[in-house]
Protein backbone atom coordinates (compact mmCIF):
# COMPACT_ATOMS: atom_id res chain seq x y z
CA UNK A 1 -0.06 0.04 0.03
CA UNK A 2 1.51 3.24 -1.18
CA UNK A 3 0.72 6.12 1.10
CA UNK A 4 2.14 9.18 -0.84
CA UNK A 5 2.87 12.47 0.79
CA UNK A 6 0.49 13.56 3.26
CA UNK A 7 0.30 17.17 4.50
CA UNK A 8 -1.44 15.89 7.72
CA UNK A 9 1.73 14.00 8.71
CA UNK A 10 2.94 17.22 9.80
CA UNK A 11 0.67 16.99 12.70
CA UNK A 12 2.89 14.32 14.11
CA UNK A 13 5.72 16.68 14.51
CA UNK A 14 4.08 18.75 17.12
CA UNK A 15 7.21 19.71 19.15
CA UNK A 16 9.61 20.00 16.24
CA UNK A 17 7.08 22.17 14.25
CA UNK A 18 6.55 24.30 17.26
CA UNK A 19 10.17 24.96 17.71
CA UNK A 20 10.69 25.63 13.90
CA UNK A 21 7.65 27.84 13.64
CA UNK A 22 8.91 29.82 16.61
CA UNK A 23 12.21 30.41 14.85
CA UNK A 24 10.27 31.48 11.53
CA UNK A 25 8.14 33.94 13.55
CA UNK A 26 11.17 35.41 15.10
CA UNK A 27 12.82 36.14 11.80
CA UNK A 28 9.71 37.79 10.40
CA UNK A 29 9.10 39.75 13.69
CA UNK A 30 12.87 40.91 13.84
CA UNK A 31 14.39 40.81 10.29
CA UNK A 32 18.05 41.65 10.54
CA UNK A 33 17.55 42.27 14.16
CA UNK A 34 15.08 45.24 13.46
CA UNK A 35 11.65 45.35 15.15
CA UNK A 36 8.57 45.34 12.91
CA UNK A 37 5.43 46.67 14.60
CA UNK A 38 3.55 46.42 11.30
CA UNK A 39 4.16 42.78 11.45
CA UNK A 40 2.78 42.58 14.93
CA UNK A 41 -0.46 44.19 13.89
CA UNK A 42 -0.94 42.54 10.54
CA UNK A 43 0.24 39.02 11.04
CA UNK A 44 -0.55 38.30 14.74
CA UNK A 45 -3.63 40.19 15.56
CA UNK A 46 -5.42 37.04 14.67
CA UNK A 47 -6.51 37.34 11.21
CA UNK A 48 -8.32 39.83 9.10
CA UNK A 49 -11.56 39.21 10.85
CA UNK A 50 -10.06 40.02 14.34
CA UNK A 51 -8.37 43.09 12.85
CA UNK A 52 -11.63 44.43 11.62
CA UNK A 53 -13.16 43.87 15.05
CA UNK A 54 -10.16 45.71 16.70
CA UNK A 55 -10.66 48.77 14.43
CA UNK A 56 -14.35 48.78 15.55
CA UNK A 57 -13.57 49.41 19.26
CA UNK A 58 -13.94 52.82 20.05
CA UNK A 59 -10.82 54.86 21.51
CA UNK A 60 -12.63 55.10 24.84
CA UNK A 61 -13.48 51.30 24.97
CA UNK A 62 -9.90 50.49 23.96
CA UNK A 63 -8.69 52.54 26.54
CA UNK A 64 -11.03 51.05 29.35
CA UNK A 65 -10.14 47.55 28.49
CA UNK A 66 -6.31 48.25 28.28
CA UNK A 67 -6.41 49.82 31.69
CA UNK A 68 -8.16 46.74 32.96
CA UNK A 69 -5.55 44.37 31.58
CA UNK A 70 -2.66 46.72 33.10
CA UNK A 71 -4.37 46.31 36.45
CA UNK A 72 -4.22 42.61 36.32
CA UNK A 73 -0.56 42.47 35.01
CA UNK A 74 0.27 44.42 38.17
CA UNK A 75 0.26 41.52 40.54
CA UNK A 76 1.54 43.32 43.53
CA UNK A 77 -0.67 46.41 42.85
CA UNK A 78 2.23 48.83 43.20
CA UNK A 79 1.24 50.69 40.17
CA UNK A 80 4.07 49.54 38.05
CA UNK A 81 4.70 46.61 35.70
CA UNK A 82 7.98 44.94 36.06
CA UNK A 83 9.90 42.79 33.72
CA UNK A 84 8.87 39.73 35.94
CA UNK A 85 5.15 40.75 35.88
CA UNK A 86 5.16 41.24 32.18
CA UNK A 87 6.84 37.97 31.33
CA UNK A 88 4.53 35.94 33.73
CA UNK A 89 1.47 37.68 32.05
CA UNK A 90 2.68 36.68 28.42
CA UNK A 91 3.49 33.17 29.51
CA UNK A 92 -0.04 33.02 30.94
CA UNK A 93 -1.53 34.31 27.58
CA UNK A 94 0.51 31.70 25.63
CA UNK A 95 -0.89 28.82 27.79
CA UNK A 96 -4.37 30.15 27.69
CA UNK A 97 -4.61 30.28 24.05
CA UNK A 98 -2.89 26.94 23.52
CA UNK A 99 -5.52 25.42 25.97
CA UNK A 100 -8.36 27.20 24.15
CA UNK A 101 -7.20 25.87 20.72
CA UNK A 102 -6.90 22.35 22.13
CA UNK A 103 -10.40 22.44 23.41
CA UNK A 104 -11.75 23.46 20.00
CA UNK A 105 -9.68 20.72 18.49
CA UNK A 106 -11.20 18.20 20.91
CA UNK A 107 -14.67 19.08 19.62
CA UNK A 108 -13.57 18.55 16.00
CA UNK A 109 -11.86 15.09 16.75
CA UNK A 110 -14.77 13.80 19.05
CA UNK A 111 -16.87 12.51 16.10
CA UNK A 112 -19.45 10.78 18.15
CA UNK A 113 -19.55 13.50 20.86
CA UNK A 114 -19.32 11.09 23.63
CA UNK A 115 -16.71 13.22 25.56
CA UNK A 116 -13.58 11.32 24.48
CA UNK A 117 -11.43 11.02 21.52
CA UNK A 118 -10.44 7.48 20.39
CA UNK A 119 -7.47 6.55 18.32
CA UNK A 120 -9.87 5.77 15.62
CA UNK A 121 -11.34 9.20 15.66
CA UNK A 122 -7.86 10.75 15.72
CA UNK A 123 -7.01 8.88 12.52
CA UNK A 124 -10.24 9.87 10.86
CA UNK A 125 -9.70 13.54 11.68
CA UNK A 126 -6.01 13.39 10.59
CA UNK A 127 -6.07 11.15 7.46
CA UNK A 128 -9.77 10.43 6.72
CA UNK A 129 -9.13 6.84 7.52
CA UNK A 130 -7.71 4.55 10.25
CA UNK A 131 -3.91 3.78 9.71
CA UNK A 132 -2.46 0.68 11.45
CA UNK A 133 1.25 0.03 10.89
CA UNK A 134 3.15 -3.02 12.05
CA UNK A 135 5.58 -2.00 14.72
CA UNK A 136 8.02 -4.55 13.59
CA UNK A 137 7.84 -4.44 9.89
CA UNK A 138 9.82 -1.61 8.29
CA UNK A 139 8.72 -0.28 4.74
CA UNK A 140 10.98 -0.22 1.82
CA UNK A 141 10.08 3.05 0.72
CA UNK A 142 11.95 5.79 2.63
CA UNK A 143 9.23 8.33 2.61
CA UNK A 144 6.69 5.71 3.75
CA UNK A 145 8.91 4.41 6.30
CA UNK A 146 9.55 7.99 7.75
CA UNK A 147 5.72 8.29 7.77
CA UNK A 148 5.32 4.93 9.59
CA UNK A 149 7.86 6.00 12.31
CA UNK A 150 6.08 9.24 12.89
CA UNK A 151 2.81 7.56 13.02
CA UNK A 152 4.03 5.18 15.74
CA UNK A 153 5.62 7.82 17.81
CA UNK A 154 2.22 9.57 17.65
CA UNK A 155 0.33 6.54 18.91
CA UNK A 156 2.99 6.02 21.74
CA UNK A 157 2.25 9.71 22.96
CA UNK A 158 -1.48 9.18 22.66
CA UNK A 159 -1.31 6.02 24.66
CA UNK A 160 1.02 7.87 27.23
CA UNK A 161 -1.61 10.57 27.49
CA UNK A 162 -4.30 8.20 28.26
CA UNK A 163 -3.89 8.00 31.98
CA UNK A 164 -7.05 6.06 32.83
CA UNK A 165 -6.55 3.55 30.00
CA UNK A 166 -10.03 4.23 28.78
CA UNK A 167 -11.20 3.79 25.26
CA UNK A 168 -10.43 7.30 24.37
CA UNK A 169 -8.78 10.57 25.70
CA UNK A 170 -10.87 12.91 27.77
CA UNK A 171 -10.28 16.67 27.60
CA UNK A 172 -7.46 16.83 30.05
CA UNK A 173 -5.83 13.90 28.40
CA UNK A 174 -6.18 15.36 24.96
CA UNK A 175 -4.64 18.45 26.10
CA UNK A 176 -1.54 16.32 27.50
CA UNK A 177 -1.34 14.70 23.79
CA UNK A 178 -1.49 17.98 21.94
CA UNK A 179 0.75 19.87 24.54
CA UNK A 180 2.95 17.58 26.45
CA UNK A 181 5.21 20.22 27.49
CA UNK A 182 2.22 21.83 29.58
CA UNK A 183 1.72 18.57 31.57
CA UNK A 184 3.94 17.18 34.19
CA UNK A 185 3.12 13.51 33.72
CA UNK A 186 4.29 13.75 30.14
CA UNK A 187 7.65 15.28 30.74
CA UNK A 188 9.65 11.94 31.20
CA UNK A 189 7.95 10.63 27.93
CA UNK A 190 9.05 13.70 26.16
CA UNK A 191 12.73 13.31 27.20
CA UNK A 192 12.71 9.52 26.38
CA UNK A 193 11.23 10.27 23.05
CA UNK A 194 13.98 12.62 22.22
CA UNK A 195 16.71 10.39 23.58
CA UNK A 196 15.48 7.64 21.34
CA UNK A 197 15.63 9.91 18.35
CA UNK A 198 19.00 11.69 18.85
CA UNK A 199 20.99 9.57 21.47
CA UNK A 200 22.76 7.32 18.88
CA UNK A 201 25.25 5.85 21.35
CA UNK A 202 22.74 5.14 23.97
CA UNK A 203 24.73 6.95 26.79
CA UNK A 204 21.78 8.89 27.96
CA UNK A 205 23.06 12.28 26.62
CA UNK A 206 23.00 13.99 23.39
CA UNK A 207 26.45 15.26 22.08
CA UNK A 208 27.13 18.20 19.66
CA UNK A 209 27.51 15.66 16.87
CA UNK A 210 24.24 13.99 17.60
CA UNK A 211 22.64 17.26 17.92
CA UNK A 212 23.56 18.29 14.39
CA UNK A 213 22.14 14.88 13.03
CA UNK A 214 23.47 13.75 9.73
CA UNK A 215 25.50 16.66 8.88
CA UNK A 216 28.89 16.40 7.82
CA UNK A 217 31.18 19.17 6.51
CA UNK A 218 31.85 19.34 2.77
CA UNK A 219 35.47 18.40 2.53
CA UNK A 220 35.97 21.14 -0.07
CA UNK A 221 34.57 23.99 2.22
CA UNK A 222 36.72 26.06 4.43
CA UNK A 223 34.04 26.38 7.04
CA UNK A 224 30.72 25.34 8.02
CA UNK A 225 27.46 26.89 6.66
CA UNK A 226 25.71 29.63 8.43
CA UNK A 227 22.84 27.51 9.63
CA UNK A 228 25.34 25.08 11.29
CA UNK A 229 27.24 27.77 13.00
CA UNK A 230 23.82 29.05 14.35
CA UNK A 231 22.86 25.64 15.75
CA UNK A 232 26.34 25.26 17.44
CA UNK A 233 25.96 28.41 19.07
CA UNK A 234 22.50 27.38 20.28
CA UNK A 235 24.00 24.11 21.56
CA UNK A 236 26.81 26.00 23.33
CA UNK A 237 25.22 28.99 24.75
CA UNK A 238 21.47 28.10 25.01
CA UNK A 239 21.10 24.54 25.75
CA UNK A 240 24.51 23.13 27.28
CA UNK A 241 24.00 25.03 30.68
CA UNK A 242 26.70 23.03 32.48
CA UNK A 243 29.26 23.49 29.57
CA UNK A 244 30.34 19.65 29.57
CA UNK A 245 29.71 19.30 25.83
CA UNK A 246 26.64 17.24 25.92
CA UNK A 247 22.91 17.74 26.88
CA UNK A 248 21.63 15.82 29.82
CA UNK A 249 17.90 14.89 30.07
CA UNK A 250 16.95 18.33 31.60
CA UNK A 251 18.91 20.36 29.05
CA UNK A 252 17.45 18.24 26.31
CA UNK A 253 14.07 19.25 27.46
CA UNK A 254 14.85 23.05 26.89
CA UNK A 255 15.80 22.17 23.33
CA UNK A 256 12.72 19.80 22.30
CA UNK A 257 10.04 21.82 24.09
CA UNK A 258 9.22 25.43 22.95
CA UNK A 259 10.68 27.74 25.48
CA UNK A 260 7.83 30.26 26.00
CA UNK A 261 9.58 31.65 29.14
CA UNK A 262 12.46 32.98 26.92
CA UNK A 263 10.04 34.49 24.33
CA UNK A 264 8.04 36.18 27.15
CA UNK A 265 11.22 37.59 28.93
CA UNK A 266 12.50 39.10 25.52
CA UNK A 267 9.34 40.65 24.78
CA UNK A 268 9.07 42.04 28.40
CA UNK A 269 12.43 43.59 28.05
CA UNK A 270 11.63 44.85 24.78
CA UNK A 271 8.66 46.71 26.01
CA UNK A 272 10.40 48.28 28.86
CA UNK A 273 13.48 49.24 26.64
CA UNK A 274 10.84 50.98 24.19
CA UNK A 275 8.22 52.47 26.72
CA UNK A 276 10.25 53.18 30.00
CA UNK A 277 10.29 57.22 29.91
CA UNK A 278 11.98 57.78 33.16
CA UNK A 279 14.59 54.89 32.95
CA UNK A 280 13.44 53.19 36.19
CA UNK A 281 13.27 49.82 34.38
CA UNK A 282 9.38 49.42 34.97
CA UNK A 283 6.39 50.71 33.39
CA UNK A 284 3.67 53.07 34.85
CA UNK A 285 0.17 53.15 33.52
CA UNK A 286 0.81 56.67 32.16
CA UNK A 287 3.88 55.33 30.11
CA UNK A 288 1.85 52.57 28.78
CA UNK A 289 -1.08 54.71 27.69
CA UNK A 290 1.44 57.18 26.22
CA UNK A 291 2.67 54.35 23.97
CA UNK A 292 -0.77 52.48 23.53
CA UNK A 293 -0.14 51.53 20.12
CA UNK A 294 3.03 49.95 20.84
CA UNK A 295 1.74 47.94 23.71
CA UNK A 296 -1.32 46.75 21.63
CA UNK A 297 1.11 45.40 19.04
CA UNK A 298 3.03 43.28 21.53
CA UNK A 299 2.70 39.86 22.99
CA UNK A 300 1.66 41.55 26.35
CA UNK A 301 -1.63 41.88 24.69
CA UNK A 302 -1.38 39.23 22.30
CA UNK A 303 -1.20 41.76 19.60
CA UNK A 304 -4.52 43.42 20.71
CA UNK A 305 -6.42 40.20 20.92
CA UNK A 306 -6.97 40.35 24.68
CA UNK A 307 -9.10 43.42 24.12
CA UNK A 308 -11.67 41.20 22.62
CA UNK A 309 -11.35 38.41 25.09
CA UNK A 310 -13.22 38.82 28.55
CA UNK A 311 -10.90 36.35 30.15
CA UNK A 312 -8.29 39.14 30.04
CA UNK A 313 -10.03 42.43 30.56
CA UNK A 314 -12.97 41.48 32.78
CA UNK A 315 -12.82 42.60 36.23
CA UNK A 316 -13.29 39.16 37.85
CA UNK A 317 -10.15 37.42 36.30
């Protein structure tokens, strides 16, 4: 049976795709290191429909909702937003929208509306049919074999997420399947899955060579290509915290799981750098309202999206 290329197979690369897309977004957001506020508003407000809705809000209503959000970010109620408070709020926003998306997907996958998503329903939603591979029989075609491996990994993650061993995943288990980085009981599975893929010598660590995969320098080249230099820098400066030349399981986790904390901290620092008028390294309500457009094209308000979500601006949050 020939499977052929299937775009839906990308769904099996949840963690890798998340990391890659984060990198692509960073390049678009900061081309050549320069911040593009127009990209914030155009690409990240949430689509044309939400852009139109944003424009319809009166200045007074924007002002009112923004002040409510500022109040909620200010955890200690001292009238100022610190880097830590901004970072915490942005991380909370990331998680909120990830959970909302997973809940919407759950309804789509739960074909018979019984409150759980079975492996059968997952396959129907992803591929329009049930796919069942033999775990012990490799396929001759390289592309088909790659898909088989990805599908089997997806099945293992599905089974791990199913804590109660029921016929399918309830909502909490489905969230664990879609976002294992957000659920404690999936952490060990994520680490072991990464080790199985990258730890070629089985020593429980990932060396720089294993990190780079199948790359081998062209013998005619004087130096490595740019992308390899970037990856080496990430290995040495971002992931290998104890500088021992290899990634242990916890360091490995920081590589394979999207690092929302780092993104949030960067955005918090960016906002303070741009909006802190008196150089006290924190933002007052007046400073934010003075730079309202910048704040509304940042991750602190999810590019203005939070002004349309009562979860964020409602007084009882």
